[in-house]
Amino acid sequence: MAIKNRHEIVFVYDVKDGNPNGDPMDSNKPRLDITTGVNIVSDVRLKRTIRDHLQDTKSDIFINGEAVTATKRAAAVLGEDPTKMNPENTSVVSKNLLNKFIDLRLFGGTLAFKSEKKEKSSDESESKDKKKKKEKGISSITYTGPVQFRFGRSVHAVDPVFTQGTAAFVSQEEKGQRSFREEWTLNYSCIAFYGVVNQNTAEKTLLSDEDLKKMFEAMWDGTKDLITRSKMEQLPRLLIDVVYNEGGNFHIGELDKAIELKSDLPDEKIRGIEDFALEVSKLKELLDTYKDKIKEVRYMIDSRLKLTLDAGEFMIEDLLPGKTKYLEK
């Protein structure tokens, strides 16, 4: 059964001595807002983390990183090339794909199907209408994803570091000299993502509460599992899920901006969560203001993360009294 409640999500994680999301068009440098010095991470990067963990835990995903066309991917599941199917069956095909793949239920997507082999006409004078008729089939399916994330942004300015070193192998054997490698990293970045789950769209993609539970688990555990050279010390720190009352289309908006980093150090000198606290007074004020529209507030938190309310120590269980609980994985 599709979800009935709107959700608002804030997800905070950090990375040390790594590159959370390199820009392949700019020497794989960490993405930056050049005006503010804030680190930017695309929503696609977060969705990749989620998809990878879902796949690792045996959930079926459509966009799995394999270099194949949407046509071949769909045909492998449907047992038939969608471009050869009757367009009248589009809704059936669409539902079959949604039932199979959790990432389509979560994030949607546009699946453009193209015939792998075009049949050559034996009659050069064959009319355009006849050719069109031959090529008729399911050409595309579009799903609007109920789960949407904005680009993640660090809650402080960051300090990019450029490093050079020698490569493990020579570029050409006859030269006998190793080439140089170059890389960009960040000393530290604490990143906040904001997202919304639209229950109206969820009805069309069949998104269930169980799907959301798996997504939250993938956000938390998948971030930990990104054990690569550029993301070795990447850890989830805080996840907040505001669940609104059933039957409404209300959400507060921009909850990530209601969380502020407070530190005695300049932003560029911050090197870990021991150097700061997250001030949540604005967030609590918003939740208190709209508490009658909120069913519950669910959370995951790293016990090492310090939260403050008006500069005093704060426990997340008190974010919305009587309605705040731990988000079970």
C-alpha atoms as a PDB file:
ATOM      1  CA  MET A   1       0.000   0.000   0.000  1.00  0.00           C
ATOM      2  CA  ALA A   2       1.290   3.457  -0.926  1.00  0.00           C
ATOM      3  CA  ILE A   3       2.278   5.866   1.837  1.00  0.00           C
ATOM      4  CA  LYS A   4      -0.376   8.285   3.096  1.00  0.00           C
ATOM      5  CA  ASN A   5       1.780  10.912   4.826  1.00  0.00           C
ATOM      6  CA  ARG A   6       4.060  13.657   3.568  1.00  0.00           C
ATOM      7  CA  HIS A   7       7.631  13.561   4.911  1.00  0.00           C
ATOM      8  CA  GLU A   8      10.394  16.136   5.259  1.00  0.00           C
ATOM      9  CA  ILE A   9      13.956  14.895   5.626  1.00  0.00           C
ATOM     10  CA  VAL A  10      17.216  16.368   6.894  1.00  0.00           C
ATOM     11  CA  PHE A  11      20.321  14.197   6.558  1.00  0.00           C
ATOM     12  CA  VAL A  12      23.712  15.274   7.897  1.00  0.00           C
ATOM     13  CA  TYR A  13      26.948  13.407   7.262  1.00  0.00           C
ATOM     14  CA  ASP A  14      30.614  14.312   7.134  1.00  0.00           C
ATOM     15  CA  VAL A  15      33.832  13.400   5.357  1.00  0.00           C
ATOM     16  CA  LYS A  16      37.422  13.835   6.480  1.00  0.00           C
ATOM     17  CA  ASP A  17      40.430  13.990   4.148  1.00  0.00           C
ATOM     18  CA  GLY A  18      38.280  12.993   1.200  1.00  0.00           C
ATOM     19  CA  ASN A  19      36.243  14.129  -1.772  1.00  0.00           C
ATOM     20  CA  PRO A  20      32.488  13.679  -1.255  1.00  0.00           C
ATOM     21  CA  ASN A  21      31.543  14.513  -4.864  1.00  0.00           C
ATOM     22  CA  GLY A  22      34.155  15.388  -7.464  1.00  0.00           C
ATOM     23  CA  ASP A  23      33.316  17.358 -10.593  1.00  0.00           C
ATOM     24  CA  PRO A  24      34.481  15.269 -13.594  1.00  0.00           C
ATOM     25  CA  MET A  25      34.384  18.387 -15.786  1.00  0.00           C
ATOM     26  CA  ASP A  26      36.863  20.202 -13.508  1.00  0.00           C
ATOM     27  CA  SER A  27      39.723  17.790 -12.695  1.00  0.00           C
ATOM     28  CA  ASN A  28      37.431  15.957 -10.249  1.00  0.00           C
ATOM     29  CA  LYS A  29      37.713  18.829  -7.764  1.00  0.00           C
ATOM     30  CA  PRO A  30      35.198  18.870  -4.890  1.00  0.00           C
ATOM     31  CA  ARG A  31      32.184  20.928  -5.955  1.00  0.00           C
ATOM     32  CA  LEU A  32      32.221  24.377  -4.361  1.00  0.00           C
ATOM     33  CA  ASP A  33      30.080  27.478  -4.181  1.00  0.00           C
ATOM     34  CA  ILE A  34      32.852  29.888  -5.132  1.00  0.00           C
ATOM     35  CA  THR A  35      31.108  32.816  -3.424  1.00  0.00           C
ATOM     36  CA  THR A  36      30.637  31.243   0.013  1.00  0.00           C
ATOM     37  CA  GLY A  37      33.292  28.508   0.004  1.00  0.00           C
ATOM     38  CA  VAL A  38      30.600  25.956   0.825  1.00  0.00           C
ATOM     39  CA  ASN A  39      31.009  22.379  -0.412  1.00  0.00           C
ATOM     40  CA  ILE A  40      28.226  21.114  -2.718  1.00  0.00           C
ATOM     41  CA  VAL A  41      27.164  17.495  -3.224  1.00  0.00           C
ATOM     42  CA  SER A  42      24.672  16.612  -5.952  1.00  0.00           C
ATOM     43  CA  ASP A  43      21.443  14.758  -5.239  1.00  0.00           C
ATOM     44  CA  VAL A  44      22.601  12.180  -7.803  1.00  0.00           C
ATOM     45  CA  ARG A  45      25.541  11.279  -5.538  1.00  0.00           C
ATOM     46  CA  LEU A  46      23.209  10.644  -2.588  1.00  0.00           C
ATOM     47  CA  LYS A  47      20.843   8.600  -4.752  1.00  0.00           C
ATOM     48  CA  ARG A  48      23.815   6.529  -5.967  1.00  0.00           C
ATOM     49  CA  THR A  49      24.717   5.794  -2.345  1.00  0.00           C
ATOM     50  CA  ILE A  50      21.153   4.704  -1.667  1.00  0.00           C
ATOM     51  CA  ARG A  51      20.916   2.568  -4.813  1.00  0.00           C
ATOM     52  CA  ASP A  52      24.243   0.842  -4.140  1.00  0.00           C
ATOM     53  CA  HIS A  53      23.218  -0.135  -0.612  1.00  0.00           C
ATOM     54  CA  LEU A  54      19.786  -1.306  -1.745  1.00  0.00           C
ATOM     55  CA  GLN A  55      21.452  -3.496  -4.353  1.00  0.00           C
ATOM     56  CA  ASP A  56      23.962  -4.833  -1.811  1.00  0.00           C
ATOM     57  CA  THR A  57      21.064  -5.813   0.458  1.00  0.00           C
ATOM     58  CA  LYS A  58      19.315  -7.716  -2.349  1.00  0.00           C
ATOM     59  CA  SER A  59      16.719  -5.143  -3.438  1.00  0.00           C
ATOM     60  CA  ASP A  60      16.145  -4.895  -7.193  1.00  0.00           C
ATOM     61  CA  ILE A  61      17.143  -1.561  -8.707  1.00  0.00           C
ATOM     62  CA  PHE A  62      16.675  -0.427 -12.303  1.00  0.00           C
ATOM     63  CA  ILE A  63      19.580   2.035 -12.551  1.00  0.00           C
ATOM     64  CA  ASN A  64      22.353  -0.250 -11.351  1.00  0.00           C
ATOM     65  CA  GLY A  65      25.413   1.318 -12.957  1.00  0.00           C
ATOM     66  CA  GLU A  66      25.692  -1.210 -15.780  1.00  0.00           C
ATOM     67  CA  ALA A  67      26.438   0.225 -19.212  1.00  0.00           C
ATOM     68  CA  VAL A  68      23.258  -0.958 -20.921  1.00  0.00           C
ATOM     69  CA  THR A  69      20.357   0.838 -22.571  1.00  0.00           C
ATOM     70  CA  ALA A  70      17.016   1.264 -20.827  1.00  0.00           C
ATOM     71  CA  THR A  71      15.552  -0.892 -23.590  1.00  0.00           C
ATOM     72  CA  LYS A  72      17.807  -3.863 -22.815  1.00  0.00           C
ATOM     73  CA  ARG A  73      17.362  -3.417 -19.059  1.00  0.00           C
ATOM     74  CA  ALA A  74      13.563  -3.409 -19.367  1.00  0.00           C
ATOM     75  CA  ALA A  75      13.541  -6.278 -21.878  1.00  0.00           C
ATOM     76  CA  ALA A  76      15.546  -8.448 -19.474  1.00  0.00           C
ATOM     77  CA  VAL A  77      12.813  -8.024 -16.876  1.00  0.00           C
ATOM     78  CA  LEU A  78       9.753  -8.023 -19.122  1.00  0.00           C
ATOM     79  CA  GLY A  79      10.948 -10.846 -21.351  1.00  0.00           C
ATOM     80  CA  GLU A  80      10.245  -8.768 -24.434  1.00  0.00           C
ATOM     81  CA  ASP A  81      11.575  -5.652 -26.138  1.00  0.00           C
ATOM     82  CA  PRO A  82       9.221  -2.798 -25.077  1.00  0.00           C
ATOM     83  CA  THR A  83       9.578  -1.190 -28.507  1.00  0.00           C
ATOM     84  CA  LYS A  84       7.816  -4.224 -29.965  1.00  0.00           C
ATOM     85  CA  MET A  85       4.951  -4.162 -27.461  1.00  0.00           C
ATOM     86  CA  ASN A  86       1.505  -2.749 -28.068  1.00  0.00           C
ATOM     87  CA  PRO A  87       1.390   0.842 -26.731  1.00  0.00           C
ATOM     88  CA  GLU A  88      -1.998   0.006 -25.225  1.00  0.00           C
ATOM     89  CA  ASN A  89      -0.095  -2.142 -22.705  1.00  0.00           C
ATOM     90  CA  THR A  90       2.028   0.765 -21.462  1.00  0.00           C
ATOM     91  CA  SER A  91       0.241   0.995 -18.101  1.00  0.00           C
ATOM     92  CA  VAL A  92       0.706  -2.741 -17.488  1.00  0.00           C
ATOM     93  CA  VAL A  93       4.405  -2.569 -18.388  1.00  0.00           C
ATOM     94  CA  SER A  94       4.803   0.519 -16.204  1.00  0.00           C
ATOM     95  CA  LYS A  95       3.252  -1.219 -13.208  1.00  0.00           C
ATOM     96  CA  ASN A  96       5.369  -4.345 -13.712  1.00  0.00           C
ATOM     97  CA  LEU A  97       8.544  -2.252 -13.633  1.00  0.00           C
ATOM     98  CA  LEU A  98       7.387  -0.379 -10.528  1.00  0.00           C
ATOM     99  CA  ASN A  99       6.572  -3.622  -8.746  1.00  0.00           C
ATOM    100  CA  LYS A 100      10.062  -4.894  -9.525  1.00  0.00           C
ATOM    101  CA  PHE A 101      12.341  -1.917  -8.881  1.00  0.00           C
ATOM    102  CA  ILE A 102      12.463   0.037  -5.622  1.00  0.00           C
ATOM    103  CA  ASP A 103      14.533   2.905  -7.093  1.00  0.00           C
ATOM    104  CA  LEU A 104      11.799   3.657  -9.633  1.00  0.00           C
ATOM    105  CA  ARG A 105       9.254   3.735  -6.803  1.00  0.00           C
ATOM    106  CA  LEU A 106      11.476   6.117  -4.833  1.00  0.00           C
ATOM    107  CA  PHE A 107      13.077   8.433  -7.374  1.00  0.00           C
ATOM    108  CA  GLY A 108      11.134   7.877 -10.573  1.00  0.00           C
ATOM    109  CA  GLY A 109      12.876   8.342 -13.908  1.00  0.00           C
ATOM    110  CA  THR A 110      12.376   8.672 -17.636  1.00  0.00           C
ATOM    111  CA  LEU A 111      12.896   5.423 -19.522  1.00  0.00           C
ATOM    112  CA  ALA A 112      13.428   6.097 -23.214  1.00  0.00           C
ATOM    113  CA  PHE A 113      13.144   2.917 -25.257  1.00  0.00           C
ATOM    114  CA  LYS A 114      14.806   2.664 -28.643  1.00  0.00           C
ATOM    115  CA  SER A 115      14.720  -0.289 -30.996  1.00  0.00           C
ATOM    116  CA  GLU A 116      18.083  -2.046 -30.861  1.00  0.00           C
ATOM    117  CA  LYS A 117      17.959  -3.073 -34.531  1.00  0.00           C
ATOM    118  CA  LYS A 118      16.095  -1.114 -37.144  1.00  0.00           C
ATOM    119  CA  GLU A 119      14.576  -3.259 -39.853  1.00  0.00           C
ATOM    120  CA  LYS A 120      15.589  -2.172 -43.337  1.00  0.00           C
ATOM    121  CA  SER A 121      12.716  -1.804 -45.726  1.00  0.00           C
ATOM    122  CA  SER A 122      12.966  -4.019 -48.808  1.00  0.00           C
ATOM    123  CA  ASP A 123      10.830  -1.544 -50.695  1.00  0.00           C
ATOM    124  CA  GLU A 124      12.577   1.811 -50.939  1.00  0.00           C
ATOM    125  CA  SER A 125       9.335   3.442 -52.020  1.00  0.00           C
ATOM    126  CA  GLU A 126       7.466   2.263 -48.924  1.00  0.00           C
ATOM    127  CA  SER A 127       5.346   5.077 -47.558  1.00  0.00           C
ATOM    128  CA  LYS A 128       6.304   6.952 -44.385  1.00  0.00           C
ATOM    129  CA  ASP A 129       2.986   5.945 -42.816  1.00  0.00           C
ATOM    130  CA  LYS A 130       3.779   2.249 -43.268  1.00  0.00           C
ATOM    131  CA  LYS A 131       7.259   2.702 -41.805  1.00  0.00           C
ATOM    132  CA  LYS A 132       5.787   4.543 -38.826  1.00  0.00           C
ATOM    133  CA  LYS A 133       3.345   1.719 -38.253  1.00  0.00           C
ATOM    134  CA  LYS A 134       6.196  -0.812 -38.236  1.00  0.00           C
ATOM    135  CA  GLU A 135       8.138   1.166 -35.643  1.00  0.00           C
ATOM    136  CA  LYS A 136       5.144   1.593 -33.339  1.00  0.00           C
ATOM    137  CA  GLY A 137       5.699   0.335 -29.817  1.00  0.00           C
ATOM    138  CA  ILE A 138       6.293   1.643 -26.304  1.00  0.00           C
ATOM    139  CA  SER A 139       8.784   4.473 -26.828  1.00  0.00           C
ATOM    140  CA  SER A 140       9.081   5.795 -23.273  1.00  0.00           C
ATOM    141  CA  ILE A 141       7.728   5.664 -19.736  1.00  0.00           C
ATOM    142  CA  THR A 142       8.073   8.548 -17.293  1.00  0.00           C
ATOM    143  CA  TYR A 143       7.730   8.295 -13.518  1.00  0.00           C
ATOM    144  CA  THR A 144       7.791  11.370 -11.287  1.00  0.00           C
ATOM    145  CA  GLY A 145       9.698  10.362  -8.173  1.00  0.00           C
ATOM    146  CA  PRO A 146       7.938  10.999  -4.849  1.00  0.00           C
ATOM    147  CA  VAL A 147      11.317  11.329  -3.096  1.00  0.00           C
ATOM    148  CA  GLN A 148      13.225  14.447  -4.105  1.00  0.00           C
ATOM    149  CA  PHE A 149      16.471  15.757  -2.607  1.00  0.00           C
ATOM    150  CA  ARG A 150      18.003  19.172  -3.084  1.00  0.00           C
ATOM    151  CA  PHE A 151      21.775  19.461  -3.563  1.00  0.00           C
ATOM    152  CA  GLY A 152      23.571  18.912  -0.274  1.00  0.00           C
ATOM    153  CA  ARG A 153      25.621  21.803   1.126  1.00  0.00           C
ATOM    154  CA  SER A 154      28.210  21.889   3.872  1.00  0.00           C
ATOM    155  CA  VAL A 155      27.121  23.853   6.936  1.00  0.00           C
ATOM    156  CA  HIS A 156      30.451  25.702   6.907  1.00  0.00           C
ATOM    157  CA  ALA A 157      33.052  26.915   4.433  1.00  0.00           C
ATOM    158  CA  VAL A 158      35.594  24.237   3.514  1.00  0.00           C
ATOM    159  CA  ASP A 159      39.330  24.071   2.910  1.00  0.00           C
ATOM    160  CA  PRO A 160      40.276  22.345  -0.395  1.00  0.00           C
ATOM    161  CA  VAL A 161      43.687  20.656  -0.526  1.00  0.00           C
ATOM    162  CA  PHE A 162      45.667  19.883  -3.698  1.00  0.00           C
ATOM    163  CA  THR A 163      48.056  16.924  -3.531  1.00  0.00           C
ATOM    164  CA  GLN A 164      50.545  15.538  -6.036  1.00  0.00           C
ATOM    165  CA  GLY A 165      52.229  12.155  -5.952  1.00  0.00           C
ATOM    166  CA  THR A 166      53.687   9.441  -8.129  1.00  0.00           C
ATOM    167  CA  ALA A 167      51.465   6.840  -9.763  1.00  0.00           C
ATOM    168  CA  ALA A 168      51.846   3.135  -9.023  1.00  0.00           C
ATOM    169  CA  PHE A 169      52.742   2.273 -12.614  1.00  0.00           C
ATOM    170  CA  VAL A 170      54.682   3.836 -15.467  1.00  0.00           C
ATOM    171  CA  SER A 171      52.678   5.357 -18.300  1.00  0.00           C
ATOM    172  CA  GLN A 172      54.841   3.684 -20.954  1.00  0.00           C
ATOM    173  CA  GLU A 173      57.159   0.759 -20.238  1.00  0.00           C
ATOM    174  CA  GLU A 174      59.979   1.988 -22.478  1.00  0.00           C
ATOM    175  CA  LYS A 175      60.202   5.245 -20.504  1.00  0.00           C
ATOM    176  CA  GLY A 176      60.625   3.454 -17.182  1.00  0.00           C
ATOM    177  CA  GLN A 177      59.504   6.519 -15.237  1.00  0.00           C
ATOM    178  CA  ARG A 178      56.317   6.703 -13.229  1.00  0.00           C
ATOM    179  CA  SER A 179      53.810   9.405 -14.066  1.00  0.00           C
ATOM    180  CA  PHE A 180      52.442  11.888 -11.554  1.00  0.00           C
ATOM    181  CA  ARG A 181      48.960  11.818 -10.083  1.00  0.00           C
ATOM    182  CA  GLU A 182      47.028  14.826  -8.864  1.00  0.00           C
ATOM    183  CA  GLU A 183      44.048  14.934  -6.543  1.00  0.00           C
ATOM    184  CA  TRP A 184      41.851  17.376  -4.682  1.00  0.00           C
ATOM    185  CA  THR A 185      40.426  16.628  -1.239  1.00  0.00           C
ATOM    186  CA  LEU A 186      38.799  18.466   1.658  1.00  0.00           C
ATOM    187  CA  ASN A 187      40.279  18.468   5.145  1.00  0.00           C
ATOM    188  CA  TYR A 188      36.729  18.262   6.474  1.00  0.00           C
ATOM    189  CA  SER A 189      33.158  18.815   5.316  1.00  0.00           C
ATOM    190  CA  CYS A 190      29.901  18.442   7.252  1.00  0.00           C
ATOM    191  CA  ILE A 191      27.110  18.222   4.675  1.00  0.00           C
ATOM    192  CA  ALA A 192      23.347  18.656   5.096  1.00  0.00           C
ATOM    193  CA  PHE A 193      20.813  17.298   2.614  1.00  0.00           C
ATOM    194  CA  TYR A 194      17.153  18.308   2.512  1.00  0.00           C
ATOM    195  CA  GLY A 195      14.401  16.208   0.980  1.00  0.00           C
ATOM    196  CA  VAL A 196      10.630  15.869   0.652  1.00  0.00           C
ATOM    197  CA  VAL A 197       8.485  12.777   0.143  1.00  0.00           C
ATOM    198  CA  ASN A 198       5.272  13.598  -1.728  1.00  0.00           C
ATOM    199  CA  GLN A 199       2.496  11.179  -0.777  1.00  0.00           C
ATOM    200  CA  ASN A 200       0.393  12.164  -3.792  1.00  0.00           C
ATOM    201  CA  THR A 201       3.095  11.124  -6.246  1.00  0.00           C
ATOM    202  CA  ALA A 202       3.827   8.053  -4.125  1.00  0.00           C
ATOM    203  CA  GLU A 203       0.373   6.754  -4.943  1.00  0.00           C
ATOM    204  CA  LYS A 204       1.340   6.646  -8.629  1.00  0.00           C
ATOM    205  CA  THR A 205       4.690   4.903  -8.101  1.00  0.00           C
ATOM    206  CA  LEU A 206       3.345   2.508  -5.427  1.00  0.00           C
ATOM    207  CA  LEU A 207       5.895   3.742  -2.846  1.00  0.00           C
ATOM    208  CA  SER A 208       5.301   1.990   0.486  1.00  0.00           C
ATOM    209  CA  ASP A 209       6.342   2.664   4.079  1.00  0.00           C
ATOM    210  CA  GLU A 210       8.593  -0.398   3.824  1.00  0.00           C
ATOM    211  CA  ASP A 211      10.334   1.198   0.821  1.00  0.00           C
ATOM    212  CA  LEU A 212      10.971   4.355   2.855  1.00  0.00           C
ATOM    213  CA  LYS A 213      12.326   2.291   5.736  1.00  0.00           C
ATOM    214  CA  LYS A 214      14.805   0.660   3.350  1.00  0.00           C
ATOM    215  CA  MET A 215      15.766   4.061   1.946  1.00  0.00           C
ATOM    216  CA  PHE A 216      16.540   5.493   5.389  1.00  0.00           C
ATOM    217  CA  GLU A 217      18.608   2.415   6.208  1.00  0.00           C
ATOM    218  CA  ALA A 218      20.464   2.848   2.900  1.00  0.00           C
ATOM    219  CA  MET A 219      21.159   6.522   3.633  1.00  0.00           C
ATOM    220  CA  TRP A 220      22.626   5.695   7.040  1.00  0.00           C
ATOM    221  CA  ASP A 221      24.418   2.406   6.451  1.00  0.00           C
ATOM    222  CA  GLY A 222      25.202   3.108   2.786  1.00  0.00           C
ATOM    223  CA  THR A 223      27.108   6.261   3.743  1.00  0.00           C
ATOM    224  CA  LYS A 224      29.215   4.183   6.138  1.00  0.00           C
ATOM    225  CA  ASP A 225      29.784   1.556   3.458  1.00  0.00           C
ATOM    226  CA  LEU A 226      31.371   4.022   1.012  1.00  0.00           C
ATOM    227  CA  ILE A 227      34.828   2.771   1.888  1.00  0.00           C
ATOM    228  CA  THR A 228      36.799   4.083  -1.067  1.00  0.00           C
ATOM    229  CA  ARG A 229      40.018   6.071  -1.194  1.00  0.00           C
ATOM    230  CA  SER A 230      38.173   9.381  -1.580  1.00  0.00           C
ATOM    231  CA  LYS A 231      35.422   8.568   0.930  1.00  0.00           C
ATOM    232  CA  MET A 232      37.216   6.500   3.565  1.00  0.00           C
ATOM    233  CA  GLU A 233      36.088   8.593   6.543  1.00  0.00           C
ATOM    234  CA  GLN A 234      32.518   9.372   5.560  1.00  0.00           C
ATOM    235  CA  LEU A 235      30.030   8.931   8.386  1.00  0.00           C
ATOM    236  CA  PRO A 236      26.318   9.627   8.934  1.00  0.00           C
ATOM    237  CA  ARG A 237      25.727  11.967  11.876  1.00  0.00           C
ATOM    238  CA  LEU A 238      22.041  12.926  11.950  1.00  0.00           C
ATOM    239  CA  LEU A 239      18.857  11.938  10.134  1.00  0.00           C
ATOM    240  CA  ILE A 240      15.531  13.626  10.896  1.00  0.00           C
ATOM    241  CA  ASP A 241      12.250  12.515   9.325  1.00  0.00           C
ATOM    242  CA  VAL A 242       9.266  14.789   9.977  1.00  0.00           C
ATOM    243  CA  VAL A 243       6.068  12.847   9.269  1.00  0.00           C
ATOM    244  CA  TYR A 244       2.974  14.994   8.694  1.00  0.00           C
ATOM    245  CA  ASN A 245      -0.630  14.100   9.416  1.00  0.00           C
ATOM    246  CA  GLU A 246      -2.482  12.027   6.865  1.00  0.00           C
ATOM    247  CA  GLY A 247      -4.800  13.869   4.498  1.00  0.00           C
ATOM    248  CA  GLY A 248      -2.820  17.091   4.157  1.00  0.00           C
ATOM    249  CA  ASN A 249      -0.382  18.543   1.644  1.00  0.00           C
ATOM    250  CA  PHE A 250       1.467  20.740   4.124  1.00  0.00           C
ATOM    251  CA  HIS A 251       5.167  20.782   4.882  1.00  0.00           C
ATOM    252  CA  ILE A 252       7.281  23.498   6.504  1.00  0.00           C
ATOM    253  CA  GLY A 253      10.124  23.643   3.967  1.00  0.00           C
ATOM    254  CA  GLU A 254      13.876  24.326   4.175  1.00  0.00           C
ATOM    255  CA  LEU A 255      14.351  22.522   7.481  1.00  0.00           C
ATOM    256  CA  ASP A 256      18.062  22.119   6.738  1.00  0.00           C
ATOM    257  CA  LYS A 257      18.478  25.895   6.971  1.00  0.00           C
ATOM    258  CA  ALA A 258      17.096  25.778  10.515  1.00  0.00           C
ATOM    259  CA  ILE A 259      20.212  23.900  11.667  1.00  0.00           C
ATOM    260  CA  GLU A 260      23.350  25.992  12.226  1.00  0.00           C
ATOM    261  CA  LEU A 261      26.943  25.043  12.936  1.00  0.00           C
ATOM    262  CA  LYS A 262      28.427  26.780  15.990  1.00  0.00           C
ATOM    263  CA  SER A 263      32.160  26.693  16.666  1.00  0.00           C
ATOM    264  CA  ASP A 264      34.894  28.741  18.322  1.00  0.00           C
ATOM    265  CA  LEU A 265      37.078  28.016  15.297  1.00  0.00           C
ATOM    266  CA  PRO A 266      36.989  29.664  11.866  1.00  0.00           C
ATOM    267  CA  ASP A 267      35.130  27.462   9.380  1.00  0.00           C
ATOM    268  CA  GLU A 268      38.265  26.461   7.462  1.00  0.00           C
ATOM    269  CA  LYS A 269      39.955  25.260  10.674  1.00  0.00           C
ATOM    270  CA  ILE A 270      37.222  22.763  11.572  1.00  0.00           C
ATOM    271  CA  ARG A 271      38.514  19.193  11.358  1.00  0.00           C
ATOM    272  CA  GLY A 272      35.808  17.049  12.978  1.00  0.00           C
ATOM    273  CA  ILE A 273      32.578  16.944  14.971  1.00  0.00           C
ATOM    274  CA  GLU A 274      34.554  17.532  18.172  1.00  0.00           C
ATOM    275  CA  ASP A 275      35.150  21.092  16.906  1.00  0.00           C
ATOM    276  CA  PHE A 276      31.513  22.214  16.765  1.00  0.00           C
ATOM    277  CA  ALA A 277      27.894  21.758  17.804  1.00  0.00           C
ATOM    278  CA  LEU A 278      24.744  21.928  15.713  1.00  0.00           C
ATOM    279  CA  GLU A 279      22.357  24.594  17.001  1.00  0.00           C
ATOM    280  CA  VAL A 280      18.729  23.459  16.573  1.00  0.00           C
ATOM    281  CA  SER A 281      16.769  26.283  18.244  1.00  0.00           C
ATOM    282  CA  LYS A 282      15.287  27.477  14.925  1.00  0.00           C
ATOM    283  CA  LEU A 283      14.335  23.924  13.995  1.00  0.00           C
ATOM    284  CA  LYS A 284      12.615  23.330  17.321  1.00  0.00           C
ATOM    285  CA  GLU A 285      10.765  26.638  17.021  1.00  0.00           C
ATOM    286  CA  LEU A 286       9.415  25.644  13.598  1.00  0.00           C
ATOM    287  CA  LEU A 287       8.340  22.201  14.774  1.00  0.00           C
ATOM    288  CA  ASP A 288       6.640  23.666  17.854  1.00  0.00           C
ATOM    289  CA  THR A 289       4.808  26.209  15.688  1.00  0.00           C
ATOM    290  CA  TYR A 290       3.366  23.538  13.395  1.00  0.00           C
ATOM    291  CA  LYS A 291       3.083  20.677  15.897  1.00  0.00           C
ATOM    292  CA  ASP A 292      -0.648  20.227  15.218  1.00  0.00           C
ATOM    293  CA  LYS A 293       0.156  19.332  11.604  1.00  0.00           C
ATOM    294  CA  ILE A 294       2.883  16.845  12.549  1.00  0.00           C
ATOM    295  CA  LYS A 295       2.207  13.191  13.307  1.00  0.00           C
ATOM    296  CA  GLU A 296       5.713  12.388  14.567  1.00  0.00           C
ATOM    297  CA  VAL A 297       9.400  13.229  14.275  1.00  0.00           C
ATOM    298  CA  ARG A 298      11.754  10.285  13.793  1.00  0.00           C
ATOM    299  CA  TYR A 299      15.527  10.401  14.047  1.00  0.00           C
ATOM    300  CA  MET A 300      18.870   8.613  13.907  1.00  0.00           C
ATOM    301  CA  ILE A 301      21.905  10.221  15.513  1.00  0.00           C
ATOM    302  CA  ASP A 302      25.578   9.546  16.088  1.00  0.00           C
ATOM    303  CA  SER A 303      26.074   9.792  19.859  1.00  0.00           C
ATOM    304  CA  ARG A 304      29.279  11.791  19.309  1.00  0.00           C
ATOM    305  CA  LEU A 305      27.405  14.670  17.659  1.00  0.00           C
ATOM    306  CA  LYS A 306      26.694  17.621  19.982  1.00  0.00           C
ATOM    307  CA  LEU A 307      23.366  19.430  19.680  1.00  0.00           C
ATOM    308  CA  THR A 308      22.579  22.727  21.369  1.00  0.00           C
ATOM    309  CA  LEU A 309      19.434  24.748  22.034  1.00  0.00           C
ATOM    310  CA  ASP A 310      20.200  28.445  22.542  1.00  0.00           C
ATOM    311  CA  ALA A 311      23.831  27.428  23.190  1.00  0.00           C
ATOM    312  CA  GLY A 312      22.872  24.944  25.922  1.00  0.00           C
ATOM    313  CA  GLU A 313      23.234  21.173  25.620  1.00  0.00           C
ATOM    314  CA  PHE A 314      20.197  19.573  23.999  1.00  0.00           C
ATOM    315  CA  MET A 315      18.867  16.038  23.625  1.00  0.00           C
ATOM    316  CA  ILE A 316      17.192  15.244  20.322  1.00  0.00           C
ATOM    317  CA  GLU A 317      14.411  13.330  22.086  1.00  0.00           C
ATOM    318  CA  ASP A 318      13.082  16.746  23.183  1.00  0.00           C
ATOM    319  CA  LEU A 319      12.791  18.129  19.639  1.00  0.00           C
ATOM    320  CA  LEU A 320       9.002  17.781  19.691  1.00  0.00           C
ATOM    321  CA  PRO A 321       7.890  16.473  23.103  1.00  0.00           C
ATOM    322  CA  GLY A 322       5.576  13.466  22.944  1.00  0.00           C
ATOM    323  CA  LYS A 323       6.068  13.031  19.199  1.00  0.00           C
ATOM    324  CA  THR A 324       9.803  12.357  18.814  1.00  0.00           C
ATOM    325  CA  LYS A 325      11.076   8.791  18.543  1.00  0.00           C
ATOM    326  CA  TYR A 326      14.014   6.792  17.241  1.00  0.00           C
ATOM    327  CA  LEU A 327      13.776   5.719  13.605  1.00  0.00           C
ATOM    328  CA  GLU A 328      14.038   1.931  13.669  1.00  0.00           C
ATOM    329  CA  LYS A 329      16.008   0.342  10.831  1.00  0.00           C
END
